Amino acid sequence: MNRNYTDDPDHDYGPSRSQQRRDALAVLTLASQLVELAPSKLAKIELPEDVREEIANVRRITAHIARKRQLAFLAKLMRKHGEDAFDAARAALGENRELQRREAAALHRLEALRERLLEDEEALSGVIAQYPQVDRQHLRSLVRQARSERAGGKPARAYRELFQTLKALEAEAGAD
C-alpha cells in the first residue's frame, strides 16, 4: 500500500494560495490605513516599534512607486509579527470609521436643517420648538442675514455662523 503525500486525509495542508493572497491583501490594506491615519490617533494605538518606524518611513516618501514599494515592505514586516499584534489597531480603525460615519451623518442633518431654515419660514418655528433654550432673536437675525448674503452674493459669514449655532444647539441637546 503506497500512499501518496496528497492522499493522506489527516495531513493539514494549511490555507490555500488564494486564502494566503487574501490575507496578504488585508494586511496591505491595514498598513495603508495606518499610514493615512493622523499622527495623533496613530500615537494612541499600540504597535510594535519597528512597524511604527516603518510607518514614519512610508510617510516621508512622496514618489508614487517608491511609496507603493515601501508600503508593501511595511505589510511584509507586519505579516512577520502575526495577527495578534494588530488587533488593537484593527479595533481602533473600526471604531474610528463608525464614529466618522455618525459624525458625518450629524453634519449632513445640520446642513439640511440650515437649508430648510433659509428656504422655509415655518422651519424656524420648528427649530425653536425643538431647541427651547435657543436665543430666538439671534437665530432669526442669523437666518435673515444669511438670506440677504445669499441674495446679494456677499461672503457667507452669517451662513457659516448659523451652522455653528445649530451645531452648538445640537451639542447642548446631546449633552442633556
N, C-alpha and C. Protein backbone atom coordinates (compact mmCIF):
# COMPACT_ATOMS: atom_id res chain seq x y z
N MET A 1 0.85 -1.17 0.00
CA MET A 1 0.00 0.00 0.00
C MET A 1 0.90 1.24 0.00
N ASN A 2 0.97 1.89 -1.12
CA ASN A 2 1.82 3.04 -1.30
C ASN A 2 0.96 4.29 -1.31
N ARG A 3 0.95 5.02 -0.23
CA ARG A 3 0.13 6.23 -0.13
C ARG A 3 0.94 7.44 -0.56
N ASN A 4 0.32 8.26 -1.30
CA ASN A 4 0.94 9.48 -1.78
C ASN A 4 0.78 10.58 -0.72
N TYR A 5 1.60 11.62 -0.79
CA TYR A 5 1.54 12.74 0.14
C TYR A 5 0.16 13.40 0.11
N THR A 6 -0.42 13.51 -1.05
CA THR A 6 -1.71 14.18 -1.18
C THR A 6 -2.87 13.29 -0.78
N ASP A 7 -2.65 12.01 -0.63
CA ASP A 7 -3.73 11.09 -0.28
C ASP A 7 -3.95 10.98 1.22
N ASP A 8 -3.08 11.57 2.01
CA ASP A 8 -3.18 11.46 3.46
C ASP A 8 -4.33 12.33 3.97
N PRO A 9 -5.41 11.73 4.49
CA PRO A 9 -6.57 12.53 4.93
C PRO A 9 -6.31 13.30 6.22
N ASP A 10 -5.29 12.90 6.99
CA ASP A 10 -5.02 13.56 8.26
C ASP A 10 -4.04 14.72 8.13
N HIS A 11 -3.49 14.92 6.95
CA HIS A 11 -2.48 15.96 6.76
C HIS A 11 -3.16 17.33 6.63
N ASP A 12 -2.63 18.30 7.37
CA ASP A 12 -3.14 19.67 7.28
C ASP A 12 -2.31 20.41 6.23
N TYR A 13 -2.96 20.78 5.14
CA TYR A 13 -2.25 21.45 4.06
C TYR A 13 -2.13 22.95 4.28
N GLY A 14 -2.78 23.49 5.29
CA GLY A 14 -2.72 24.93 5.55
C GLY A 14 -3.68 25.67 4.63
N PRO A 15 -3.61 26.98 4.69
CA PRO A 15 -4.53 27.77 3.86
C PRO A 15 -4.17 27.65 2.38
N SER A 16 -5.17 27.77 1.56
CA SER A 16 -4.94 27.71 0.12
C SER A 16 -4.15 28.94 -0.33
N ARG A 17 -3.64 28.88 -1.52
CA ARG A 17 -2.87 30.01 -2.04
C ARG A 17 -3.77 31.24 -2.18
N SER A 18 -5.01 31.04 -2.57
CA SER A 18 -5.95 32.15 -2.69
C SER A 18 -6.20 32.80 -1.33
N GLN A 19 -6.33 31.96 -0.30
CA GLN A 19 -6.55 32.49 1.04
C GLN A 19 -5.32 33.25 1.53
N GLN A 20 -4.15 32.74 1.22
CA GLN A 20 -2.92 33.45 1.60
C GLN A 20 -2.86 34.82 0.93
N ARG A 21 -3.28 34.88 -0.33
CA ARG A 21 -3.27 36.16 -1.05
C ARG A 21 -4.29 37.13 -0.44
N ARG A 22 -5.47 36.64 -0.10
CA ARG A 22 -6.48 37.50 0.54
C ARG A 22 -5.98 38.02 1.88
N ASP A 23 -5.31 37.17 2.65
CA ASP A 23 -4.76 37.59 3.94
C ASP A 23 -3.68 38.66 3.74
N ALA A 24 -2.82 38.46 2.74
CA ALA A 24 -1.76 39.43 2.47
C ALA A 24 -2.35 40.77 2.04
N LEU A 25 -3.39 40.75 1.22
CA LEU A 25 -4.03 41.99 0.79
C LEU A 25 -4.72 42.69 1.95
N ALA A 26 -5.27 41.92 2.89
CA ALA A 26 -5.90 42.51 4.07
C ALA A 26 -4.86 43.23 4.93
N VAL A 27 -3.67 42.62 5.05
CA VAL A 27 -2.59 43.27 5.82
C VAL A 27 -2.12 44.52 5.10
N LEU A 28 -2.04 44.48 3.77
CA LEU A 28 -1.64 45.65 2.99
C LEU A 28 -2.65 46.78 3.17
N THR A 29 -3.92 46.46 3.18
CA THR A 29 -4.97 47.47 3.41
C THR A 29 -4.84 48.07 4.80
N LEU A 30 -4.60 47.22 5.80
CA LEU A 30 -4.40 47.72 7.16
C LEU A 30 -3.19 48.64 7.22
N ALA A 31 -2.11 48.25 6.54
CA ALA A 31 -0.90 49.08 6.53
C ALA A 31 -1.18 50.45 5.92
N SER A 32 -1.92 50.48 4.81
CA SER A 32 -2.21 51.77 4.18
C SER A 32 -3.12 52.62 5.06
N GLN A 33 -4.05 51.99 5.78
CA GLN A 33 -4.91 52.74 6.70
C GLN A 33 -4.09 53.33 7.84
N LEU A 34 -3.13 52.58 8.33
CA LEU A 34 -2.28 53.08 9.41
C LEU A 34 -1.42 54.25 8.93
N VAL A 35 -0.93 54.18 7.71
CA VAL A 35 -0.11 55.26 7.16
C VAL A 35 -0.94 56.52 6.99
N GLU A 36 -2.19 56.38 6.57
CA GLU A 36 -3.06 57.54 6.32
C GLU A 36 -3.65 58.12 7.60
N LEU A 37 -3.56 57.39 8.70
CA LEU A 37 -4.13 57.84 9.96
C LEU A 37 -3.38 59.06 10.49
N ALA A 38 -4.11 59.95 11.13
CA ALA A 38 -3.49 61.15 11.71
C ALA A 38 -2.46 60.74 12.76
N PRO A 39 -1.33 61.45 12.82
CA PRO A 39 -0.28 61.07 13.78
C PRO A 39 -0.76 61.04 15.24
N SER A 40 -1.66 61.93 15.60
CA SER A 40 -2.16 61.94 16.98
C SER A 40 -2.96 60.67 17.29
N LYS A 41 -3.73 60.19 16.31
CA LYS A 41 -4.51 58.97 16.52
C LYS A 41 -3.61 57.74 16.47
N LEU A 42 -2.59 57.79 15.60
CA LEU A 42 -1.66 56.67 15.50
C LEU A 42 -0.88 56.49 16.79
N ALA A 43 -0.56 57.58 17.46
CA ALA A 43 0.21 57.52 18.71
C ALA A 43 -0.57 56.79 19.80
N LYS A 44 -1.89 56.80 19.72
CA LYS A 44 -2.72 56.16 20.74
C LYS A 44 -2.85 54.65 20.54
N ILE A 45 -2.47 54.18 19.35
CA ILE A 45 -2.61 52.76 19.02
C ILE A 45 -1.33 52.02 19.40
N GLU A 46 -1.49 50.86 20.02
CA GLU A 46 -0.35 50.04 20.42
C GLU A 46 0.17 49.26 19.21
N LEU A 47 1.41 49.57 18.81
CA LEU A 47 2.05 48.92 17.65
C LEU A 47 3.48 48.54 18.00
N PRO A 48 4.02 47.50 17.35
CA PRO A 48 5.43 47.19 17.54
C PRO A 48 6.29 48.37 17.07
N GLU A 49 7.43 48.55 17.71
CA GLU A 49 8.27 49.72 17.44
C GLU A 49 8.80 49.74 16.01
N ASP A 50 9.21 48.58 15.49
CA ASP A 50 9.74 48.58 14.12
C ASP A 50 8.65 48.93 13.09
N VAL A 51 7.42 48.55 13.36
CA VAL A 51 6.30 48.90 12.48
C VAL A 51 6.05 50.40 12.54
N ARG A 52 6.10 50.96 13.73
CA ARG A 52 5.90 52.40 13.90
C ARG A 52 6.98 53.19 13.14
N GLU A 53 8.24 52.72 13.20
CA GLU A 53 9.32 53.38 12.47
C GLU A 53 9.12 53.28 10.96
N GLU A 54 8.66 52.12 10.51
CA GLU A 54 8.45 51.94 9.07
C GLU A 54 7.28 52.78 8.58
N ILE A 55 6.26 52.97 9.40
CA ILE A 55 5.15 53.87 9.04
C ILE A 55 5.69 55.28 8.84
N ALA A 56 6.59 55.70 9.71
CA ALA A 56 7.20 57.02 9.57
C ALA A 56 8.01 57.11 8.27
N ASN A 57 8.69 56.02 7.91
CA ASN A 57 9.44 56.00 6.64
C ASN A 57 8.52 56.14 5.44
N VAL A 58 7.42 55.41 5.46
CA VAL A 58 6.46 55.47 4.34
C VAL A 58 5.89 56.88 4.20
N ARG A 59 5.62 57.52 5.31
CA ARG A 59 5.06 58.87 5.27
C ARG A 59 6.02 59.89 4.66
N ARG A 60 7.31 59.66 4.82
CA ARG A 60 8.31 60.59 4.28
C ARG A 60 8.43 60.49 2.76
N ILE A 61 8.08 59.35 2.20
CA ILE A 61 8.25 59.12 0.77
C ILE A 61 7.07 59.70 0.00
N THR A 62 7.38 60.49 -1.02
CA THR A 62 6.32 61.13 -1.80
C THR A 62 6.17 60.55 -3.21
N ALA A 63 7.23 59.96 -3.76
CA ALA A 63 7.15 59.38 -5.10
C ALA A 63 6.20 58.18 -5.08
N HIS A 64 5.29 58.11 -6.04
CA HIS A 64 4.21 57.13 -6.04
C HIS A 64 4.71 55.69 -5.98
N ILE A 65 5.56 55.30 -6.91
CA ILE A 65 6.01 53.91 -6.97
C ILE A 65 6.88 53.57 -5.77
N ALA A 66 7.74 54.48 -5.37
CA ALA A 66 8.58 54.22 -4.20
C ALA A 66 7.72 54.06 -2.95
N ARG A 67 6.69 54.89 -2.83
CA ARG A 67 5.79 54.79 -1.68
C ARG A 67 5.05 53.45 -1.70
N LYS A 68 4.61 53.04 -2.87
CA LYS A 68 3.90 51.78 -3.00
C LYS A 68 4.81 50.61 -2.61
N ARG A 69 6.05 50.66 -3.04
CA ARG A 69 7.03 49.61 -2.71
C ARG A 69 7.29 49.59 -1.21
N GLN A 70 7.44 50.76 -0.60
CA GLN A 70 7.70 50.84 0.83
C GLN A 70 6.49 50.38 1.63
N LEU A 71 5.30 50.66 1.12
CA LEU A 71 4.07 50.20 1.77
C LEU A 71 3.99 48.68 1.74
N ALA A 72 4.40 48.08 0.61
CA ALA A 72 4.44 46.61 0.52
C ALA A 72 5.44 46.05 1.52
N PHE A 73 6.58 46.73 1.69
CA PHE A 73 7.56 46.29 2.68
C PHE A 73 6.99 46.38 4.09
N LEU A 74 6.25 47.45 4.37
CA LEU A 74 5.60 47.59 5.68
C LEU A 74 4.63 46.44 5.92
N ALA A 75 3.86 46.08 4.89
CA ALA A 75 2.91 44.97 5.03
C ALA A 75 3.66 43.66 5.30
N LYS A 76 4.77 43.47 4.63
CA LYS A 76 5.59 42.26 4.86
C LYS A 76 6.10 42.22 6.30
N LEU A 77 6.54 43.37 6.79
CA LEU A 77 7.01 43.47 8.17
C LEU A 77 5.87 43.17 9.14
N MET A 78 4.68 43.65 8.82
CA MET A 78 3.52 43.41 9.69
C MET A 78 3.14 41.93 9.69
N ARG A 79 3.25 41.26 8.55
CA ARG A 79 2.92 39.83 8.48
C ARG A 79 3.86 39.01 9.36
N LYS A 80 5.11 39.46 9.52
CA LYS A 80 6.07 38.74 10.37
C LYS A 80 5.66 38.77 11.83
N HIS A 81 4.95 39.82 12.24
CA HIS A 81 4.53 39.95 13.63
C HIS A 81 3.33 39.08 13.98
N GLY A 82 2.54 38.71 13.02
CA GLY A 82 1.38 37.88 13.28
C GLY A 82 0.13 38.72 13.47
N GLU A 83 -0.99 38.03 13.53
CA GLU A 83 -2.31 38.68 13.58
C GLU A 83 -2.57 39.38 14.92
N ASP A 84 -2.14 38.77 16.01
CA ASP A 84 -2.47 39.28 17.33
C ASP A 84 -1.86 40.64 17.63
N ALA A 85 -0.75 40.94 17.01
CA ALA A 85 -0.05 42.20 17.28
C ALA A 85 -0.85 43.42 16.81
N PHE A 86 -1.79 43.20 15.90
CA PHE A 86 -2.51 44.33 15.31
C PHE A 86 -4.01 44.32 15.61
N ASP A 87 -4.41 43.53 16.59
CA ASP A 87 -5.83 43.51 16.97
C ASP A 87 -6.28 44.88 17.49
N ALA A 88 -5.44 45.52 18.28
CA ALA A 88 -5.78 46.84 18.82
C ALA A 88 -5.92 47.86 17.69
N ALA A 89 -5.05 47.76 16.69
CA ALA A 89 -5.11 48.70 15.56
C ALA A 89 -6.38 48.48 14.76
N ARG A 90 -6.74 47.23 14.53
CA ARG A 90 -7.98 46.94 13.79
C ARG A 90 -9.19 47.46 14.56
N ALA A 91 -9.19 47.25 15.86
CA ALA A 91 -10.31 47.72 16.68
C ALA A 91 -10.40 49.24 16.64
N ALA A 92 -9.27 49.91 16.75
CA ALA A 92 -9.27 51.38 16.74
C ALA A 92 -9.74 51.91 15.39
N LEU A 93 -9.30 51.29 14.32
CA LEU A 93 -9.72 51.74 12.99
C LEU A 93 -11.20 51.48 12.77
N GLY A 94 -11.71 50.37 13.26
CA GLY A 94 -13.14 50.08 13.13
C GLY A 94 -13.98 51.08 13.90
N GLU A 95 -13.55 51.42 15.12
CA GLU A 95 -14.27 52.41 15.91
C GLU A 95 -14.21 53.77 15.25
N ASN A 96 -13.03 54.12 14.69
CA ASN A 96 -12.89 55.41 14.03
C ASN A 96 -13.83 55.53 12.84
N ARG A 97 -13.94 54.47 12.05
CA ARG A 97 -14.80 54.52 10.88
C ARG A 97 -16.25 54.72 11.27
N GLU A 98 -16.68 53.98 12.30
CA GLU A 98 -18.08 54.11 12.73
C GLU A 98 -18.33 55.50 13.31
N LEU A 99 -17.39 56.00 14.10
CA LEU A 99 -17.52 57.34 14.67
C LEU A 99 -17.56 58.39 13.57
N GLN A 100 -16.70 58.26 12.57
CA GLN A 100 -16.68 59.21 11.46
C GLN A 100 -18.00 59.19 10.70
N ARG A 101 -18.56 58.01 10.51
CA ARG A 101 -19.85 57.91 9.81
C ARG A 101 -20.95 58.62 10.58
N ARG A 102 -20.97 58.42 11.89
CA ARG A 102 -22.00 59.07 12.71
C ARG A 102 -21.83 60.59 12.70
N GLU A 103 -20.58 61.05 12.81
CA GLU A 103 -20.33 62.49 12.80
C GLU A 103 -20.70 63.11 11.45
N ALA A 104 -20.38 62.41 10.38
CA ALA A 104 -20.72 62.92 9.04
C ALA A 104 -22.23 62.98 8.87
N ALA A 105 -22.95 61.98 9.35
CA ALA A 105 -24.40 61.98 9.24
C ALA A 105 -25.00 63.14 10.04
N ALA A 106 -24.44 63.41 11.22
CA ALA A 106 -24.94 64.52 12.03
C ALA A 106 -24.70 65.85 11.32
N LEU A 107 -23.53 66.02 10.70
CA LEU A 107 -23.25 67.26 9.98
C LEU A 107 -24.18 67.42 8.78
N HIS A 108 -24.47 66.33 8.09
CA HIS A 108 -25.40 66.40 6.95
C HIS A 108 -26.80 66.81 7.40
N ARG A 109 -27.22 66.29 8.56
CA ARG A 109 -28.54 66.68 9.10
C ARG A 109 -28.56 68.17 9.42
N LEU A 110 -27.47 68.67 10.02
CA LEU A 110 -27.41 70.10 10.34
C LEU A 110 -27.39 70.96 9.08
N GLU A 111 -26.67 70.52 8.05
CA GLU A 111 -26.66 71.27 6.79
C GLU A 111 -28.05 71.32 6.17
N ALA A 112 -28.76 70.19 6.21
CA ALA A 112 -30.12 70.15 5.67
C ALA A 112 -31.05 71.07 6.47
N LEU A 113 -30.88 71.08 7.79
CA LEU A 113 -31.69 71.96 8.63
C LEU A 113 -31.40 73.42 8.31
N ARG A 114 -30.15 73.77 8.12
CA ARG A 114 -29.78 75.15 7.76
C ARG A 114 -30.43 75.54 6.44
N GLU A 115 -30.41 74.65 5.46
CA GLU A 115 -31.04 74.95 4.16
C GLU A 115 -32.54 75.13 4.31
N ARG A 116 -33.17 74.30 5.13
CA ARG A 116 -34.62 74.46 5.37
C ARG A 116 -34.91 75.79 6.02
N LEU A 117 -34.05 76.20 6.97
CA LEU A 117 -34.25 77.50 7.63
C LEU A 117 -34.18 78.65 6.63
N LEU A 118 -33.30 78.54 5.66
CA LEU A 118 -33.13 79.62 4.69
C LEU A 118 -34.24 79.63 3.63
N GLU A 119 -34.87 78.49 3.40
CA GLU A 119 -35.86 78.41 2.33
C GLU A 119 -37.29 78.44 2.84
N ASP A 120 -37.50 78.07 4.10
CA ASP A 120 -38.87 77.91 4.59
C ASP A 120 -39.05 78.71 5.88
N GLU A 121 -40.06 79.55 5.91
CA GLU A 121 -40.35 80.37 7.10
C GLU A 121 -40.82 79.51 8.28
N GLU A 122 -41.51 78.43 7.99
CA GLU A 122 -42.06 77.57 9.05
C GLU A 122 -40.97 76.77 9.76
N ALA A 123 -39.86 76.55 9.11
CA ALA A 123 -38.78 75.75 9.71
C ALA A 123 -38.21 76.42 10.95
N LEU A 124 -38.21 77.74 10.98
CA LEU A 124 -37.68 78.48 12.13
C LEU A 124 -38.48 78.17 13.40
N SER A 125 -39.80 78.14 13.28
CA SER A 125 -40.61 77.81 14.45
C SER A 125 -40.38 76.36 14.89
N GLY A 126 -40.11 75.47 13.94
CA GLY A 126 -39.81 74.08 14.29
C GLY A 126 -38.51 73.97 15.06
N VAL A 127 -37.50 74.75 14.65
CA VAL A 127 -36.21 74.72 15.35
C VAL A 127 -36.36 75.30 16.76
N ILE A 128 -37.13 76.38 16.87
CA ILE A 128 -37.36 76.99 18.19
C ILE A 128 -38.09 76.02 19.10
N ALA A 129 -39.04 75.25 18.54
CA ALA A 129 -39.75 74.26 19.35
C ALA A 129 -38.83 73.10 19.75
N GLN A 130 -37.94 72.72 18.84
CA GLN A 130 -37.03 71.60 19.11
C GLN A 130 -35.95 71.97 20.12
N TYR A 131 -35.50 73.23 20.06
CA TYR A 131 -34.45 73.71 20.97
C TYR A 131 -34.98 74.92 21.73
N PRO A 132 -35.70 74.73 22.82
CA PRO A 132 -36.30 75.86 23.54
C PRO A 132 -35.27 76.80 24.18
N GLN A 133 -34.05 76.34 24.38
CA GLN A 133 -33.02 77.17 25.01
C GLN A 133 -32.38 78.15 24.04
N VAL A 134 -32.74 78.10 22.76
CA VAL A 134 -32.11 78.94 21.74
C VAL A 134 -32.45 80.42 21.93
N ASP A 135 -31.50 81.27 21.61
CA ASP A 135 -31.73 82.71 21.59
C ASP A 135 -32.50 83.00 20.30
N ARG A 136 -33.80 83.16 20.42
CA ARG A 136 -34.68 83.29 19.25
C ARG A 136 -34.32 84.50 18.40
N GLN A 137 -34.07 85.60 19.04
CA GLN A 137 -33.78 86.83 18.31
C GLN A 137 -32.48 86.68 17.50
N HIS A 138 -31.48 86.11 18.12
CA HIS A 138 -30.20 85.92 17.43
C HIS A 138 -30.37 84.95 16.25
N LEU A 139 -31.11 83.88 16.46
CA LEU A 139 -31.33 82.90 15.39
C LEU A 139 -32.08 83.53 14.22
N ARG A 140 -33.13 84.28 14.50
CA ARG A 140 -33.87 84.96 13.44
C ARG A 140 -32.96 85.93 12.69
N SER A 141 -32.15 86.66 13.43
CA SER A 141 -31.23 87.61 12.81
C SER A 141 -30.24 86.89 11.89
N LEU A 142 -29.70 85.75 12.34
CA LEU A 142 -28.76 85.00 11.51
C LEU A 142 -29.41 84.49 10.23
N VAL A 143 -30.63 83.99 10.36
CA VAL A 143 -31.35 83.50 9.18
C VAL A 143 -31.58 84.64 8.21
N ARG A 144 -32.02 85.77 8.73
CA ARG A 144 -32.27 86.94 7.87
C ARG A 144 -30.98 87.39 7.17
N GLN A 145 -29.87 87.48 7.91
CA GLN A 145 -28.58 87.89 7.34
C GLN A 145 -28.09 86.89 6.29
N ALA A 146 -28.25 85.60 6.58
CA ALA A 146 -27.80 84.57 5.64
C ALA A 146 -28.60 84.65 4.35
N ARG A 147 -29.89 84.90 4.46
CA ARG A 147 -30.72 85.05 3.25
C ARG A 147 -30.27 86.25 2.43
N SER A 148 -29.99 87.38 3.10
CA SER A 148 -29.57 88.57 2.36
C SER A 148 -28.18 88.37 1.75
N GLU A 149 -27.29 87.64 2.46
CA GLU A 149 -25.97 87.35 1.90
C GLU A 149 -26.09 86.51 0.64
N ARG A 150 -26.94 85.51 0.71
CA ARG A 150 -27.13 84.62 -0.44
C ARG A 150 -27.72 85.39 -1.62
N ALA A 151 -28.71 86.24 -1.34
CA ALA A 151 -29.36 87.00 -2.41
C ALA A 151 -28.42 88.06 -3.00
N GLY A 152 -27.59 88.66 -2.17
CA GLY A 152 -26.70 89.73 -2.63
C GLY A 152 -25.36 89.24 -3.12
N GLY A 153 -25.08 87.95 -3.03
CA GLY A 153 -23.80 87.42 -3.47
C GLY A 153 -22.64 87.83 -2.57
N LYS A 154 -22.94 88.13 -1.33
CA LYS A 154 -21.91 88.56 -0.37
C LYS A 154 -21.24 87.32 0.25
N PRO A 155 -20.10 87.53 0.93
CA PRO A 155 -19.47 86.41 1.64
C PRO A 155 -20.42 85.82 2.68
N ALA A 156 -20.36 84.52 2.84
CA ALA A 156 -21.34 83.79 3.65
C ALA A 156 -20.96 83.74 5.12
N ARG A 157 -20.74 84.86 5.78
CA ARG A 157 -20.37 84.88 7.19
C ARG A 157 -21.53 84.40 8.06
N ALA A 158 -22.71 84.97 7.88
CA ALA A 158 -23.87 84.59 8.70
C ALA A 158 -24.30 83.15 8.40
N TYR A 159 -24.11 82.72 7.16
CA TYR A 159 -24.44 81.36 6.75
C TYR A 159 -23.62 80.36 7.58
N ARG A 160 -22.31 80.65 7.70
CA ARG A 160 -21.44 79.78 8.50
C ARG A 160 -21.75 79.89 9.98
N GLU A 161 -22.03 81.10 10.45
CA GLU A 161 -22.34 81.29 11.86
C GLU A 161 -23.65 80.58 12.23
N LEU A 162 -24.59 80.56 11.31
CA LEU A 162 -25.85 79.84 11.53
C LEU A 162 -25.57 78.35 11.72
N PHE A 163 -24.69 77.81 10.90
CA PHE A 163 -24.34 76.39 11.03
C PHE A 163 -23.69 76.13 12.39
N GLN A 164 -22.76 77.00 12.80
CA GLN A 164 -22.09 76.82 14.09
C GLN A 164 -23.08 76.91 15.25
N THR A 165 -24.06 77.81 15.13
CA THR A 165 -25.09 77.93 16.16
C THR A 165 -25.91 76.66 16.24
N LEU A 166 -26.31 76.11 15.10
CA LEU A 166 -27.07 74.86 15.08
C LEU A 166 -26.24 73.71 15.65
N LYS A 167 -24.97 73.70 15.33
CA LYS A 167 -24.08 72.66 15.84
C LYS A 167 -23.97 72.74 17.36
N ALA A 168 -23.85 73.96 17.89
CA ALA A 168 -23.78 74.14 19.34
C ALA A 168 -25.09 73.72 20.01
N LEU A 169 -26.21 74.03 19.38
CA LEU A 169 -27.52 73.62 19.92
C LEU A 169 -27.63 72.10 19.95
N GLU A 170 -27.17 71.47 18.92
CA GLU A 170 -27.21 70.01 18.84
C GLU A 170 -26.30 69.40 19.92
N ALA A 171 -25.14 70.00 20.14
CA ALA A 171 -24.23 69.50 21.17
C ALA A 171 -24.83 69.65 22.56
N GLU A 172 -25.48 70.81 22.80
CA GLU A 172 -26.16 71.01 24.11
C GLU A 172 -27.26 70.00 24.32
N ALA A 173 -28.03 69.76 23.28
CA ALA A 173 -29.13 68.80 23.39
C ALA A 173 -28.59 67.39 23.60
N GLY A 174 -27.47 67.06 22.95
CA GLY A 174 -26.86 65.74 23.14
C GLY A 174 -26.28 65.57 24.52
N ALA A 175 -25.77 66.65 25.12
CA ALA A 175 -25.18 66.58 26.45
C ALA A 175 -26.25 66.39 27.52
N ASP A 176 -27.43 66.90 27.25
CA ASP A 176 -28.53 66.76 28.22
C ASP A 176 -29.14 65.42 28.14
